[in-house]
Amino acid sequence: MSPRKSAAEARSTRRRIIDRGIAIASVEGLEGLTIGRLATDLGMSKAGILGHFGTKETLQLAVLEGASAVFVHSVWHPAEDAAPGLPRLRAVCEAWIGYLEHERAVFPGGCLFTTASVEFDARGGRVRDAVARLSRVWRRRLAAEVRQAVAAGDLPAGTDPEQVTYELVGCYLALNQELQLLADPEAPARTRRALDRLLAPGAPGHTR
């Protein structure tokens, strides 16, 4: 086997492990992501799994990064061609609803990051730090979109981007729970109505 083919096969195997890890972690949490479970599901040896990641913590971190790539592809990429300002912010929000509502093949248990944030919010360590870091990255990006909407005149000049971001994140945490725990088919429509009020020019609660 050529070194190039060997490296390609190693990348493919690593990708399979991460993909299966994402599916398991979305349902059972990152702590439910065991080397033995992955080995059984993928028809591999435990040594084969460990050969790619070394430790469970390293595997958990790799799964988080893999899930992050799916989130970016599903939520941010579809909105890239929308006009800066409120059109792009609304495109991001709509893609986020679609991500929570339809990404069942990748996340059968719903948003992995919502699960992980509850699972690790009271712990220390590298995994908790990674969950918090990714959350901050997305919140900063969302706040930047709100600022562009203000700069474009789509939202009032006194709008507080951090407050709007806080409320947007709250909408999506609620949506994930309504879909996963309560199986409410009306939840996406309720979320859209909440967004219409929150992102309407002159809506109360925007200003500092």
Protein backbone atom coordinates (compact mmCIF):
# COMPACT_ATOMS: atom_id res chain seq x y z
CA MET A 1 0.00 0.00 0.00
CA SER A 2 1.36 3.41 -0.95
CA PRO A 3 1.88 6.01 1.79
CA ARG A 4 -0.65 8.28 0.07
CA LYS A 5 -3.34 5.58 0.02
CA SER A 6 -2.56 4.65 3.61
CA ALA A 7 -2.96 8.27 4.72
CA ALA A 8 -6.24 8.60 2.80
CA GLU A 9 -7.61 5.47 4.42
CA ALA A 10 -6.57 6.73 7.86
CA ARG A 11 -8.41 10.02 7.23
CA SER A 12 -11.47 8.11 6.03
CA THR A 13 -11.48 5.90 9.13
CA ARG A 14 -11.03 8.89 11.40
CA ARG A 15 -13.97 10.58 9.67
CA ARG A 16 -16.16 7.50 10.20
CA ILE A 17 -15.29 7.44 13.87
CA ILE A 18 -16.08 11.13 14.30
CA ASP A 19 -19.35 10.89 12.37
CA ARG A 20 -20.53 7.99 14.50
CA GLY A 21 -19.30 9.78 17.61
CA ILE A 22 -21.38 12.84 16.74
CA ALA A 23 -24.52 10.72 16.39
CA ILE A 24 -23.92 8.94 19.70
CA ALA A 25 -23.04 12.11 21.61
CA SER A 26 -26.13 13.97 20.39
CA VAL A 27 -28.28 11.29 22.06
CA GLU A 28 -26.19 10.10 25.01
CA GLY A 29 -23.88 13.02 25.66
CA LEU A 30 -20.14 13.19 25.29
CA GLU A 31 -19.69 11.05 28.40
CA GLY A 32 -21.71 8.32 26.69
CA LEU A 33 -19.14 8.32 23.91
CA THR A 34 -17.08 5.27 24.89
CA ILE A 35 -14.29 3.57 23.00
CA GLY A 36 -16.06 0.23 23.40
CA ARG A 37 -19.36 1.53 22.00
CA LEU A 38 -17.66 3.03 18.97
CA ALA A 39 -15.62 -0.12 18.33
CA THR A 40 -18.79 -2.24 18.41
CA ASP A 41 -20.81 0.12 16.19
CA LEU A 42 -18.04 0.44 13.60
CA GLY A 43 -16.77 -3.14 13.68
CA MET A 44 -13.36 -2.02 14.85
CA SER A 45 -11.11 -2.96 17.74
CA LYS A 46 -10.72 -0.68 20.74
CA ALA A 47 -7.05 -0.43 19.87
CA GLY A 48 -8.03 0.75 16.40
CA ILE A 49 -10.13 3.58 17.86
CA LEU A 50 -7.41 4.53 20.34
CA GLY A 51 -4.84 4.49 17.58
CA HIS A 52 -6.59 7.47 16.01
CA PHE A 53 -7.32 9.48 19.16
CA GLY A 54 -5.30 8.11 22.05
CA THR A 55 -7.72 9.09 24.83
CA LYS A 56 -11.43 9.51 25.33
CA GLU A 57 -10.95 13.23 25.96
CA THR A 58 -9.16 13.67 22.64
CA LEU A 59 -12.00 11.81 20.95
CA GLN A 60 -14.58 14.05 22.64
CA LEU A 61 -12.73 17.16 21.46
CA ALA A 62 -12.53 15.80 17.91
CA VAL A 63 -16.26 15.07 17.95
CA LEU A 64 -16.97 18.62 19.09
CA GLU A 65 -14.88 20.05 16.26
CA GLY A 66 -16.60 17.75 13.77
CA ALA A 67 -20.02 18.81 14.99
CA SER A 68 -18.91 22.44 14.80
CA ALA A 69 -18.04 21.97 11.12
CA VAL A 70 -21.55 20.58 10.50
CA PHE A 71 -23.10 23.55 12.32
CA VAL A 72 -21.09 26.07 10.29
CA HIS A 73 -21.97 24.29 7.03
CA SER A 74 -25.67 24.11 7.92
CA VAL A 75 -26.21 27.53 9.49
CA TRP A 76 -23.60 30.02 8.31
CA HIS A 77 -22.78 28.86 4.78
CA PRO A 78 -26.37 29.04 3.44
CA ALA A 79 -26.57 32.69 4.51
CA GLU A 80 -23.28 33.83 2.98
CA ASP A 81 -24.82 35.13 -0.25
CA ALA A 82 -27.56 37.13 1.47
CA ALA A 83 -27.19 40.90 1.58
CA PRO A 84 -25.36 42.22 4.67
CA GLY A 85 -27.72 43.50 7.31
CA LEU A 86 -31.11 42.17 8.28
CA PRO A 87 -31.46 39.92 5.18
CA ARG A 88 -28.34 37.96 6.12
CA LEU A 89 -29.22 37.90 9.82
CA ARG A 90 -32.66 36.53 8.97
CA ALA A 91 -31.08 33.98 6.62
CA VAL A 92 -28.83 32.78 9.45
CA CYS A 93 -31.83 32.53 11.77
CA GLU A 94 -33.87 30.55 9.24
CA ALA A 95 -30.97 28.19 8.55
CA TRP A 96 -30.59 27.66 12.30
CA ILE A 97 -34.24 26.59 12.53
CA GLY A 98 -33.66 24.17 9.67
CA TYR A 99 -30.56 22.80 11.38
CA LEU A 100 -32.50 21.98 14.55
CA GLU A 101 -35.54 20.69 12.71
CA HIS A 102 -34.01 18.57 9.96
CA GLU A 103 -30.43 17.49 10.77
CA ARG A 104 -31.62 14.19 12.23
CA ALA A 105 -29.29 11.99 10.19
CA VAL A 106 -26.27 13.73 11.75
CA PHE A 107 -27.79 14.67 15.13
CA PRO A 108 -30.48 12.08 15.96
CA GLY A 109 -30.67 13.44 19.50
CA GLY A 110 -30.88 17.11 18.55
CA CYS A 111 -28.24 19.80 18.92
CA LEU A 112 -25.06 18.26 20.33
CA PHE A 113 -23.91 21.60 21.69
CA THR A 114 -27.07 22.08 23.73
CA THR A 115 -26.57 18.60 25.18
CA ALA A 116 -22.88 19.24 25.85
CA SER A 117 -23.47 22.64 27.45
CA VAL A 118 -25.81 21.09 30.02
CA GLU A 119 -23.54 18.09 30.50
CA PHE A 120 -20.36 20.11 31.11
CA ASP A 121 -21.50 23.51 32.39
CA ALA A 122 -20.61 22.68 36.01
CA ARG A 123 -17.34 20.89 35.23
CA GLY A 124 -13.82 21.99 34.52
CA GLY A 125 -11.40 20.68 31.94
CA ARG A 126 -10.60 20.84 28.24
CA VAL A 127 -13.96 19.58 26.99
CA ARG A 128 -15.90 22.14 29.01
CA ASP A 129 -13.52 24.84 27.77
CA ALA A 130 -14.06 23.75 24.16
CA VAL A 131 -17.85 23.85 24.52
CA ALA A 132 -17.67 27.34 26.01
CA ARG A 133 -15.21 28.54 23.36
CA LEU A 134 -17.40 27.38 20.47
CA SER A 135 -20.44 28.99 22.07
CA ARG A 136 -18.59 32.30 22.40
CA VAL A 137 -17.39 32.13 18.79
CA TRP A 138 -20.93 31.74 17.45
CA ARG A 139 -22.32 34.40 19.74
CA ARG A 140 -19.65 36.87 18.59
CA ARG A 141 -20.45 36.05 14.98
CA LEU A 142 -24.17 36.47 15.58
CA ALA A 143 -23.58 39.80 17.34
CA ALA A 144 -21.49 40.92 14.35
CA GLU A 145 -24.44 40.21 12.07
CA VAL A 146 -26.68 42.28 14.33
CA ARG A 147 -24.16 45.14 14.19
CA GLN A 148 -24.22 44.98 10.39
CA ALA A 149 -28.01 45.20 10.48
CA VAL A 150 -27.70 48.32 12.65
CA ALA A 151 -25.06 49.80 10.33
CA ALA A 152 -27.34 49.15 7.33
CA GLY A 153 -30.19 50.98 9.04
CA ASP A 154 -32.29 47.82 9.29
CA LEU A 155 -32.34 48.03 13.09
CA PRO A 156 -32.38 51.19 15.25
CA ALA A 157 -29.08 52.93 15.98
CA GLY A 158 -29.45 52.28 19.71
CA THR A 159 -29.80 48.52 19.31
CA ASP A 160 -27.70 46.50 21.74
CA PRO A 161 -26.21 43.61 19.69
CA GLU A 162 -25.33 41.62 22.78
CA GLN A 163 -28.92 41.81 24.07
CA VAL A 164 -30.36 40.75 20.71
CA THR A 165 -27.86 37.89 20.54
CA TYR A 166 -28.79 36.80 24.06
CA GLU A 167 -32.45 36.64 23.12
CA LEU A 168 -31.78 34.88 19.82
CA VAL A 169 -29.79 32.17 21.58
CA GLY A 170 -32.65 31.79 24.05
CA CYS A 171 -35.07 31.22 21.16
CA TYR A 172 -32.95 28.40 19.78
CA LEU A 173 -32.38 26.75 23.15
CA ALA A 174 -36.15 26.75 23.58
CA LEU A 175 -36.68 25.42 20.06
CA ASN A 176 -34.30 22.51 20.62
CA GLN A 177 -36.11 21.57 23.84
CA GLU A 178 -39.54 21.87 22.29
CA LEU A 179 -38.53 19.64 19.38
CA GLN A 180 -36.60 17.07 21.40
CA LEU A 181 -38.38 16.84 24.73
CA LEU A 182 -41.94 17.83 23.85
CA ALA A 183 -42.03 16.92 20.13
CA ASP A 184 -44.05 20.07 19.43
CA PRO A 185 -44.60 20.38 15.66
CA GLU A 186 -45.57 24.03 16.14
CA ALA A 187 -42.22 24.96 17.68
CA PRO A 188 -40.52 26.15 14.44
CA ALA A 189 -43.49 28.39 13.63
CA ARG A 190 -43.49 29.77 17.17
CA THR A 191 -39.77 30.49 16.84
CA ARG A 192 -40.33 32.35 13.59
CA ARG A 193 -43.01 34.50 15.23
CA ALA A 194 -40.63 35.26 18.09
CA LEU A 195 -37.94 36.25 15.59
CA ASP A 196 -40.36 38.50 13.73
CA ARG A 197 -40.97 40.43 16.95
CA LEU A 198 -37.35 40.46 18.05
CA LEU A 199 -35.93 41.60 14.71
CA ALA A 200 -38.65 44.10 13.81
CA PRO A 201 -37.29 47.65 13.50
CA GLY A 202 -38.07 49.54 16.66
CA ALA A 203 -38.94 46.43 18.64
CA PRO A 204 -38.88 47.03 22.41
CA GLY A 205 -35.88 45.74 24.30
CA HIS A 206 -33.34 46.44 21.55
CA THR A 207 -31.71 49.45 23.12
CA ARG A 208 -29.20 49.64 25.95
